[in-house]
C-alpha atoms as a PDB file:
ATOM      1  CA  MET A   1       0.000   0.000   0.000  1.00  0.00           C
ATOM      2  CA  LYS A   2       2.859   2.345   0.890  1.00  0.00           C
ATOM      3  CA  PHE A   3       4.507   1.613  -2.491  1.00  0.00           C
ATOM      4  CA  LYS A   4       1.232   2.324  -4.258  1.00  0.00           C
ATOM      5  CA  HIS A   5       0.970   5.698  -2.509  1.00  0.00           C
ATOM      6  CA  MET A   6       4.535   6.493  -3.541  1.00  0.00           C
ATOM      7  CA  ILE A   7       3.684   5.787  -7.186  1.00  0.00           C
ATOM      8  CA  ILE A   8       0.546   7.934  -7.054  1.00  0.00           C
ATOM      9  CA  GLY A   9       2.468  10.696  -5.334  1.00  0.00           C
ATOM     10  CA  GLY A  10       5.218  10.507  -7.926  1.00  0.00           C
ATOM     11  CA  LEU A  11       2.723  10.747 -10.755  1.00  0.00           C
ATOM     12  CA  ALA A  12       1.125  13.773  -9.127  1.00  0.00           C
ATOM     13  CA  VAL A  13       4.488  15.502  -8.830  1.00  0.00           C
ATOM     14  CA  ALA A  14       5.299  14.670 -12.461  1.00  0.00           C
ATOM     15  CA  ALA A  15       1.938  16.049 -13.587  1.00  0.00           C
ATOM     16  CA  GLY A  16       2.604  19.222 -11.637  1.00  0.00           C
ATOM     17  CA  LEU A  17       6.017  19.613 -13.202  1.00  0.00           C
ATOM     18  CA  PHE A  18       4.557  19.034 -16.666  1.00  0.00           C
ATOM     19  CA  ALA A  19       1.938  21.713 -16.052  1.00  0.00           C
ATOM     20  CA  GLY A  20       4.653  24.063 -14.876  1.00  0.00           C
ATOM     21  CA  PHE A  21       6.686  23.511 -18.021  1.00  0.00           C
ATOM     22  CA  LYS A  22       3.646  23.637 -20.332  1.00  0.00           C
ATOM     23  CA  LYS A  23       4.423  26.032 -23.134  1.00  0.00           C
ATOM     24  CA  GLU A  24       2.703  29.392 -22.841  1.00  0.00           C
ATOM     25  CA  ARG A  25       0.542  30.470 -25.741  1.00  0.00           C
ATOM     26  CA  PRO A  26       2.386  32.738 -28.188  1.00  0.00           C
ATOM     27  CA  ALA A  27       1.320  36.363 -28.291  1.00  0.00           C
ATOM     28  CA  LEU A  28       0.257  38.481 -31.246  1.00  0.00           C
ATOM     29  CA  TYR A  29       1.109  42.116 -30.567  1.00  0.00           C
ATOM     30  CA  LEU A  30      -0.603  44.875 -32.536  1.00  0.00           C
ATOM     31  CA  ILE A  31       1.157  48.233 -32.719  1.00  0.00           C
ATOM     32  CA  GLY A  32      -0.125  51.328 -34.467  1.00  0.00           C
ATOM     33  CA  ASP A  33      -2.231  54.453 -34.062  1.00  0.00           C
ATOM     34  CA  SER A  34      -5.922  55.156 -33.374  1.00  0.00           C
ATOM     35  CA  THR A  35      -7.047  53.309 -36.498  1.00  0.00           C
ATOM     36  CA  VAL A  36      -5.776  50.132 -34.788  1.00  0.00           C
ATOM     37  CA  ALA A  37      -6.202  50.947 -31.088  1.00  0.00           C
ATOM     38  CA  ASN A  38      -8.803  49.690 -28.642  1.00  0.00           C
ATOM     39  CA  ALA A  39     -11.582  52.081 -27.699  1.00  0.00           C
ATOM     40  CA  PRO A  40     -14.486  51.959 -25.215  1.00  0.00           C
ATOM     41  CA  PRO A  41     -17.441  49.968 -26.634  1.00  0.00           C
ATOM     42  CA  ASP A  42     -19.628  53.089 -26.717  1.00  0.00           C
ATOM     43  CA  SER A  43     -17.055  55.195 -28.586  1.00  0.00           C
ATOM     44  CA  PHE A  44     -17.973  56.377 -32.070  1.00  0.00           C
ATOM     45  CA  ILE A  45     -14.339  55.761 -33.110  1.00  0.00           C
ATOM     46  CA  GLN A  46     -13.187  52.139 -33.257  1.00  0.00           C
ATOM     47  CA  GLY A  47      -9.824  50.695 -34.320  1.00  0.00           C
ATOM     48  CA  TRP A  48      -9.618  47.365 -36.133  1.00  0.00           C
ATOM     49  CA  GLY A  49      -7.232  45.852 -33.577  1.00  0.00           C
ATOM     50  CA  ALA A  50     -10.026  45.556 -31.041  1.00  0.00           C
ATOM     51  CA  HIS A  51     -11.946  43.252 -33.383  1.00  0.00           C
ATOM     52  CA  LEU A  52      -9.182  41.030 -34.726  1.00  0.00           C
ATOM     53  CA  ALA A  53      -9.406  38.507 -31.869  1.00  0.00           C
ATOM     54  CA  SER A  54     -12.739  37.190 -33.183  1.00  0.00           C
ATOM     55  CA  PHE A  55     -10.869  35.682 -36.154  1.00  0.00           C
ATOM     56  CA  PHE A  56      -8.301  33.827 -34.023  1.00  0.00           C
ATOM     57  CA  ASP A  57      -8.420  30.746 -31.836  1.00  0.00           C
ATOM     58  CA  THR A  58      -7.583  32.480 -28.570  1.00  0.00           C
ATOM     59  CA  THR A  59      -7.056  29.141 -26.815  1.00  0.00           C
ATOM     60  CA  LYS A  60      -3.870  28.896 -28.898  1.00  0.00           C
ATOM     61  CA  ILE A  61      -2.691  32.515 -29.169  1.00  0.00           C
ATOM     62  CA  ARG A  62      -2.987  35.660 -27.048  1.00  0.00           C
ATOM     63  CA  LEU A  63      -3.766  38.997 -28.693  1.00  0.00           C
ATOM     64  CA  GLN A  64      -2.171  42.075 -27.186  1.00  0.00           C
ATOM     65  CA  ASN A  65      -3.380  45.314 -28.742  1.00  0.00           C
ATOM     66  CA  ARG A  66      -0.689  47.857 -27.871  1.00  0.00           C
ATOM     67  CA  ALA A  67      -1.690  50.457 -30.477  1.00  0.00           C
ATOM     68  CA  VAL A  68      -1.810  54.001 -29.085  1.00  0.00           C
ATOM     69  CA  PRO A  69      -3.842  56.864 -30.602  1.00  0.00           C
ATOM     70  CA  GLY A  70      -1.813  59.795 -31.854  1.00  0.00           C
ATOM     71  CA  THR A  71       1.448  57.933 -32.335  1.00  0.00           C
ATOM     72  CA  SER A  72       3.561  57.566 -35.445  1.00  0.00           C
ATOM     73  CA  SER A  73       6.225  55.013 -36.337  1.00  0.00           C
ATOM     74  CA  ARG A  74       8.662  57.529 -34.871  1.00  0.00           C
ATOM     75  CA  THR A  75       6.962  58.518 -31.602  1.00  0.00           C
ATOM     76  CA  TYR A  76       5.923  54.953 -30.798  1.00  0.00           C
ATOM     77  CA  GLN A  77       9.640  54.271 -30.485  1.00  0.00           C
ATOM     78  CA  THR A  78      10.964  57.569 -29.116  1.00  0.00           C
ATOM     79  CA  LYS A  79       8.088  58.372 -26.687  1.00  0.00           C
ATOM     80  CA  GLY A  80       8.163  61.964 -27.913  1.00  0.00           C
ATOM     81  CA  VAL A  81       4.436  62.408 -27.299  1.00  0.00           C
ATOM     82  CA  VAL A  82       2.297  65.322 -26.168  1.00  0.00           C
ATOM     83  CA  SER A  83       0.139  63.603 -23.552  1.00  0.00           C
ATOM     84  CA  THR A  84       1.385  61.403 -20.738  1.00  0.00           C
ATOM     85  CA  ASP A  85      -1.724  59.254 -21.292  1.00  0.00           C
ATOM     86  CA  GLN A  86      -0.022  58.001 -24.437  1.00  0.00           C
ATOM     87  CA  LEU A  87       2.811  56.619 -22.322  1.00  0.00           C
ATOM     88  CA  LYS A  88       0.716  54.447 -20.004  1.00  0.00           C
ATOM     89  CA  ASN A  89       1.352  51.313 -22.098  1.00  0.00           C
ATOM     90  CA  GLY A  90       5.072  52.039 -22.352  1.00  0.00           C
ATOM     91  CA  LEU A  91       4.899  52.000 -26.153  1.00  0.00           C
ATOM     92  CA  TRP A  92       7.566  49.950 -27.963  1.00  0.00           C
ATOM     93  CA  ASP A  93       9.765  49.471 -24.910  1.00  0.00           C
ATOM     94  CA  SER A  94       7.004  47.598 -23.096  1.00  0.00           C
ATOM     95  CA  VAL A  95       6.459  45.266 -26.043  1.00  0.00           C
ATOM     96  CA  MET A  96      10.169  44.490 -26.250  1.00  0.00           C
ATOM     97  CA  VAL A  97      10.289  43.575 -22.560  1.00  0.00           C
ATOM     98  CA  THR A  98       7.815  40.696 -22.975  1.00  0.00           C
ATOM     99  CA  LEU A  99       8.350  39.759 -26.627  1.00  0.00           C
ATOM    100  CA  LYS A 100       9.662  36.210 -26.940  1.00  0.00           C
ATOM    101  CA  PRO A 101      10.437  33.556 -29.569  1.00  0.00           C
ATOM    102  CA  GLY A 102       7.302  32.383 -31.339  1.00  0.00           C
ATOM    103  CA  ASP A 103       5.441  35.670 -30.848  1.00  0.00           C
ATOM    104  CA  PHE A 104       4.213  37.928 -33.666  1.00  0.00           C
ATOM    105  CA  VAL A 105       4.050  41.704 -34.193  1.00  0.00           C
ATOM    106  CA  ILE A 106       1.687  43.342 -36.678  1.00  0.00           C
ATOM    107  CA  MET A 107       2.535  47.001 -37.298  1.00  0.00           C
ATOM    108  CA  GLN A 108       0.401  49.648 -39.016  1.00  0.00           C
ATOM    109  CA  PHE A 109       1.547  53.257 -39.013  1.00  0.00           C
ATOM    110  CA  GLY A 110       1.355  56.110 -41.489  1.00  0.00           C
ATOM    111  CA  HIS A 111      -1.513  58.468 -40.704  1.00  0.00           C
ATOM    112  CA  ASN A 112       0.456  60.450 -38.131  1.00  0.00           C
ATOM    113  CA  ASP A 113       3.797  60.049 -39.887  1.00  0.00           C
ATOM    114  CA  ASP A 114       2.428  62.504 -42.440  1.00  0.00           C
ATOM    115  CA  SER A 115       2.731  65.342 -39.891  1.00  0.00           C
ATOM    116  CA  PRO A 116       5.463  67.971 -39.439  1.00  0.00           C
ATOM    117  CA  ILE A 117       8.673  66.595 -37.965  1.00  0.00           C
ATOM    118  CA  ASP A 118       9.260  69.720 -35.881  1.00  0.00           C
ATOM    119  CA  ASP A 119       6.386  71.877 -34.639  1.00  0.00           C
ATOM    120  CA  THR A 120       4.959  73.099 -31.339  1.00  0.00           C
ATOM    121  CA  ALA A 121       1.847  70.912 -31.614  1.00  0.00           C
ATOM    122  CA  ARG A 122       3.086  67.303 -31.787  1.00  0.00           C
ATOM    123  CA  SER A 123       6.403  66.843 -33.623  1.00  0.00           C
ATOM    124  CA  ARG A 124       5.445  63.337 -34.631  1.00  0.00           C
ATOM    125  CA  GLY A 125       6.146  63.195 -38.363  1.00  0.00           C
ATOM    126  CA  SER A 126       8.826  61.081 -40.000  1.00  0.00           C
ATOM    127  CA  LEU A 127      10.808  61.880 -43.115  1.00  0.00           C
ATOM    128  CA  LYS A 128       9.300  60.670 -46.378  1.00  0.00           C
ATOM    129  CA  GLY A 129      10.482  57.484 -48.036  1.00  0.00           C
ATOM    130  CA  THR A 130      12.532  54.480 -47.005  1.00  0.00           C
ATOM    131  CA  GLY A 131      16.065  55.791 -47.313  1.00  0.00           C
ATOM    132  CA  THR A 132      18.741  56.706 -44.785  1.00  0.00           C
ATOM    133  CA  ASP A 133      18.048  60.462 -44.784  1.00  0.00           C
ATOM    134  CA  SER A 134      17.860  62.141 -41.383  1.00  0.00           C
ATOM    135  CA  ALA A 135      17.295  65.556 -39.827  1.00  0.00           C
ATOM    136  CA  VAL A 136      18.393  66.868 -36.443  1.00  0.00           C
ATOM    137  CA  ILE A 137      15.844  68.885 -34.447  1.00  0.00           C
ATOM    138  CA  PHE A 138      15.308  70.022 -30.877  1.00  0.00           C
ATOM    139  CA  ASN A 139      12.289  68.073 -29.664  1.00  0.00           C
ATOM    140  CA  ARG A 140      10.187  70.240 -27.329  1.00  0.00           C
ATOM    141  CA  PHE A 141       8.465  67.230 -25.792  1.00  0.00           C
ATOM    142  CA  LEU A 142      11.558  65.145 -25.172  1.00  0.00           C
ATOM    143  CA  LYS A 143      13.417  68.348 -24.271  1.00  0.00           C
ATOM    144  CA  LYS A 144      16.500  67.226 -26.126  1.00  0.00           C
ATOM    145  CA  GLN A 145      18.054  67.025 -29.553  1.00  0.00           C
ATOM    146  CA  GLU A 146      16.610  64.282 -31.731  1.00  0.00           C
ATOM    147  CA  THR A 147      17.656  62.734 -35.040  1.00  0.00           C
ATOM    148  CA  VAL A 148      14.546  62.133 -37.113  1.00  0.00           C
ATOM    149  CA  HIS A 149      14.650  59.319 -39.681  1.00  0.00           C
ATOM    150  CA  THR A 150      12.523  58.158 -42.585  1.00  0.00           C
ATOM    151  CA  TYR A 151       9.309  56.197 -42.271  1.00  0.00           C
ATOM    152  CA  GLY A 152      11.074  53.176 -43.753  1.00  0.00           C
ATOM    153  CA  TRP A 153      13.916  53.482 -41.250  1.00  0.00           C
ATOM    154  CA  TYR A 154      11.477  53.246 -38.333  1.00  0.00           C
ATOM    155  CA  LEU A 155       9.707  50.247 -39.884  1.00  0.00           C
ATOM    156  CA  ARG A 156      13.040  48.481 -40.344  1.00  0.00           C
ATOM    157  CA  LYS A 157      13.851  49.187 -36.680  1.00  0.00           C
ATOM    158  CA  PHE A 158      10.590  47.539 -35.597  1.00  0.00           C
ATOM    159  CA  ILE A 159      11.415  44.550 -37.788  1.00  0.00           C
ATOM    160  CA  SER A 160      15.006  44.119 -36.582  1.00  0.00           C
ATOM    161  CA  ASP A 161      13.969  44.557 -32.944  1.00  0.00           C
ATOM    162  CA  THR A 162      11.191  41.988 -33.348  1.00  0.00           C
ATOM    163  CA  ARG A 163      13.508  39.439 -34.933  1.00  0.00           C
ATOM    164  CA  SER A 164      16.130  40.024 -32.248  1.00  0.00           C
ATOM    165  CA  ARG A 165      13.632  38.461 -29.835  1.00  0.00           C
ATOM    166  CA  GLY A 166      12.947  35.498 -32.121  1.00  0.00           C
ATOM    167  CA  ALA A 167       9.495  36.865 -32.992  1.00  0.00           C
ATOM    168  CA  VAL A 168       7.874  37.324 -36.418  1.00  0.00           C
ATOM    169  CA  PRO A 169       7.060  40.798 -37.831  1.00  0.00           C
ATOM    170  CA  VAL A 170       4.170  41.615 -40.186  1.00  0.00           C
ATOM    171  CA  ILE A 171       3.636  44.956 -41.969  1.00  0.00           C
ATOM    172  CA  CYS A 172       0.190  46.354 -42.809  1.00  0.00           C
ATOM    173  CA  SER A 173      -0.106  49.423 -44.973  1.00  0.00           C
ATOM    174  CA  PRO A 174      -2.327  52.101 -43.371  1.00  0.00           C
ATOM    175  CA  ILE A 175      -6.050  51.948 -43.999  1.00  0.00           C
ATOM    176  CA  PRO A 176      -7.315  54.495 -46.551  1.00  0.00           C
ATOM    177  CA  LYS A 177      -9.099  57.679 -45.557  1.00  0.00           C
ATOM    178  CA  ASP A 178     -12.624  58.416 -46.721  1.00  0.00           C
ATOM    179  CA  LEU A 179     -11.357  60.417 -49.682  1.00  0.00           C
ATOM    180  CA  TRP A 180     -12.581  59.800 -53.223  1.00  0.00           C
ATOM    181  CA  LYS A 181     -11.587  60.605 -56.765  1.00  0.00           C
ATOM    182  CA  GLY A 182     -14.637  59.960 -58.876  1.00  0.00           C
ATOM    183  CA  SER A 183     -16.056  56.567 -57.913  1.00  0.00           C
ATOM    184  CA  LEU A 184     -12.790  55.265 -56.425  1.00  0.00           C
ATOM    185  CA  VAL A 185     -11.183  55.677 -53.012  1.00  0.00           C
ATOM    186  CA  VAL A 186      -7.824  57.464 -53.036  1.00  0.00           C
ATOM    187  CA  ARG A 187      -5.029  54.944 -52.423  1.00  0.00           C
ATOM    188  CA  ASN A 188      -1.565  55.495 -50.908  1.00  0.00           C
ATOM    189  CA  THR A 189       0.170  53.924 -53.888  1.00  0.00           C
ATOM    190  CA  ASP A 190       2.719  56.748 -54.188  1.00  0.00           C
ATOM    191  CA  ASP A 191       3.700  56.991 -50.521  1.00  0.00           C
ATOM    192  CA  TYR A 192       2.948  54.901 -47.427  1.00  0.00           C
ATOM    193  CA  ASP A 193       1.558  51.862 -49.203  1.00  0.00           C
ATOM    194  CA  LYS A 194       4.525  51.885 -51.570  1.00  0.00           C
ATOM    195  CA  TRP A 195       7.036  52.391 -48.752  1.00  0.00           C
ATOM    196  CA  CYS A 196       5.550  49.552 -46.691  1.00  0.00           C
ATOM    197  CA  ALA A 197       5.864  47.242 -49.688  1.00  0.00           C
ATOM    198  CA  GLU A 198       9.472  48.298 -50.284  1.00  0.00           C
ATOM    199  CA  VAL A 199      10.508  47.674 -46.684  1.00  0.00           C
ATOM    200  CA  ALA A 200       8.705  44.330 -46.635  1.00  0.00           C
ATOM    201  CA  ALA A 201      10.392  43.203 -49.856  1.00  0.00           C
ATOM    202  CA  ASN A 202      13.847  44.331 -48.720  1.00  0.00           C
ATOM    203  CA  THR A 203      13.574  42.653 -45.322  1.00  0.00           C
ATOM    204  CA  GLY A 204      11.671  39.499 -46.286  1.00  0.00           C
ATOM    205  CA  THR A 205       8.702  40.488 -44.123  1.00  0.00           C
ATOM    206  CA  LEU A 206       5.077  39.519 -44.698  1.00  0.00           C
ATOM    207  CA  PHE A 207       3.231  42.505 -46.184  1.00  0.00           C
ATOM    208  CA  ILE A 208      -0.546  42.817 -45.977  1.00  0.00           C
ATOM    209  CA  ASN A 209      -1.628  45.434 -48.480  1.00  0.00           C
ATOM    210  CA  LEU A 210      -4.441  46.618 -46.238  1.00  0.00           C
ATOM    211  CA  ASN A 211      -4.680  49.986 -47.964  1.00  0.00           C
ATOM    212  CA  LYS A 212      -5.593  48.336 -51.270  1.00  0.00           C
ATOM    213  CA  MET A 213      -7.770  45.620 -49.752  1.00  0.00           C
ATOM    214  CA  VAL A 214      -9.901  48.093 -47.830  1.00  0.00           C
ATOM    215  CA  ALA A 215     -10.067  50.562 -50.727  1.00  0.00           C
ATOM    216  CA  ASP A 216     -11.228  47.792 -53.069  1.00  0.00           C
ATOM    217  CA  LYS A 217     -14.003  46.936 -50.601  1.00  0.00           C
ATOM    218  CA  TYR A 218     -15.057  50.573 -50.356  1.00  0.00           C
ATOM    219  CA  ASP A 219     -15.146  50.917 -54.135  1.00  0.00           C
ATOM    220  CA  LEU A 220     -17.620  48.020 -54.326  1.00  0.00           C
ATOM    221  CA  ASP A 221     -19.818  49.430 -51.579  1.00  0.00           C
ATOM    222  CA  GLY A 222     -19.845  52.959 -52.978  1.00  0.00           C
ATOM    223  CA  GLN A 223     -19.212  56.343 -51.400  1.00  0.00           C
ATOM    224  CA  ALA A 224     -22.694  56.854 -49.956  1.00  0.00           C
ATOM    225  CA  ARG A 225     -22.572  53.592 -47.980  1.00  0.00           C
ATOM    226  CA  VAL A 226     -18.953  54.115 -46.898  1.00  0.00           C
ATOM    227  CA  ASP A 227     -19.694  57.673 -45.700  1.00  0.00           C
ATOM    228  CA  ALA A 228     -22.794  56.608 -43.812  1.00  0.00           C
ATOM    229  CA  LEU A 229     -21.595  53.369 -42.197  1.00  0.00           C
ATOM    230  CA  TYR A 230     -17.817  53.085 -42.004  1.00  0.00           C
ATOM    231  CA  PHE A 231     -16.438  56.500 -41.006  1.00  0.00           C
ATOM    232  CA  VAL A 232     -17.012  59.227 -38.463  1.00  0.00           C
ATOM    233  CA  LYS A 233     -17.263  62.792 -39.714  1.00  0.00           C
ATOM    234  CA  ASP A 234     -13.508  63.420 -39.836  1.00  0.00           C
ATOM    235  CA  HIS A 235     -13.203  60.920 -42.740  1.00  0.00           C
ATOM    236  CA  ILE A 236     -10.165  59.343 -41.042  1.00  0.00           C
ATOM    237  CA  HIS A 237     -11.396  57.256 -38.124  1.00  0.00           C
ATOM    238  CA  THR A 238     -13.647  54.250 -38.522  1.00  0.00           C
ATOM    239  CA  THR A 239     -16.897  53.307 -36.837  1.00  0.00           C
ATOM    240  CA  LEU A 240     -17.576  49.855 -35.386  1.00  0.00           C
ATOM    241  CA  ALA A 241     -18.733  48.607 -38.798  1.00  0.00           C
ATOM    242  CA  GLY A 242     -15.631  50.003 -40.503  1.00  0.00           C
ATOM    243  CA  ALA A 243     -13.285  48.542 -37.897  1.00  0.00           C
ATOM    244  CA  GLN A 244     -14.887  45.110 -38.209  1.00  0.00           C
ATOM    245  CA  ILE A 245     -14.421  45.147 -41.988  1.00  0.00           C
ATOM    246  CA  ASN A 246     -10.777  46.144 -41.618  1.00  0.00           C
ATOM    247  CA  ALA A 247     -10.126  43.424 -39.030  1.00  0.00           C
ATOM    248  CA  GLY A 248     -11.674  40.842 -41.342  1.00  0.00           C
ATOM    249  CA  LEU A 249      -9.437  41.948 -44.194  1.00  0.00           C
ATOM    250  CA  VAL A 250      -6.323  41.725 -41.997  1.00  0.00           C
ATOM    251  CA  ALA A 251      -7.355  38.166 -41.157  1.00  0.00           C
ATOM    252  CA  SER A 252      -7.882  37.444 -44.872  1.00  0.00           C
ATOM    253  CA  GLY A 253      -4.405  38.752 -45.651  1.00  0.00           C
ATOM    254  CA  ILE A 254      -2.922  36.418 -43.057  1.00  0.00           C
ATOM    255  CA  ARG A 255      -4.988  33.469 -44.270  1.00  0.00           C
ATOM    256  CA  GLU A 256      -3.803  33.956 -47.853  1.00  0.00           C
ATOM    257  CA  SER A 257      -0.130  34.149 -46.802  1.00  0.00           C
ATOM    258  CA  ASP A 258       2.406  31.450 -45.974  1.00  0.00           C
ATOM    259  CA  SER A 259       3.043  32.967 -42.535  1.00  0.00           C
ATOM    260  CA  PRO A 260       3.102  30.647 -39.498  1.00  0.00           C
ATOM    261  CA  LEU A 261       0.567  33.062 -38.000  1.00  0.00           C
ATOM    262  CA  LYS A 262      -2.186  31.626 -40.207  1.00  0.00           C
ATOM    263  CA  LYS A 263      -2.350  28.377 -38.230  1.00  0.00           C
ATOM    264  CA  TYR A 264      -3.826  30.305 -35.285  1.00  0.00           C
ATOM    265  CA  LEU A 265      -6.810  31.569 -37.271  1.00  0.00           C
ATOM    266  CA  LYS A 266     -10.190  29.983 -36.663  1.00  0.00           C
ATOM    267  CA  LYS A 267     -11.149  27.457 -39.303  1.00  0.00           C
ATOM    268  CA  GLN A 268     -13.623  28.822 -41.811  1.00  0.00           C
END
């Protein structure tokens, strides 16, 4: 009887050790601006990141939406922000602290990168393009001299940092604004969409052409429906319906890729 109890006790200890060593679910981090960020359920403005979890099997992967309204690819890294509320999540530093092998990072910036690089309002813009150009300014919010780089430079920094932790980066081009030329939505084919594609190609990173995918959807629905259902009055930020469409298209982009991230999607 004593031997039997020893066996049972040993099995219990082994089971406990196994549970302790059980591999934690990988995490999918989302970084970006207000078009990605979480918002209160009753807010008129909704980011697509808050609605992406419904497309994933969350028993196998954890979604961490770390997007922060008002940030650019530059300020998400430098913390040169106007409001201290923007710092409560720690921005990129806090992601890097917990990022581990097997995790994923989806990045979508661009709307706020198209701002001045040096002004008294926000100083959040990045230089145009993907090159190695830079400009030195005195940042009023950081209260120190800052070297400002190109949009592509900041994306490459996100990618290299992510890979340094053994995690997998994914680039999304920024969603289109509610701007039209005739019957078609204006695309970012000459700037941010193009630059995202260039960085992705040069770094071997999965690129989801969200700008085109969303714009194609809007073209089919027509301006009247898009104006009424998918955007708030500023023609930049999406409603709940718009955010849900964008989240679904991000999931479609992952599903159509060869990324290891696709195995965590719910089966259709």
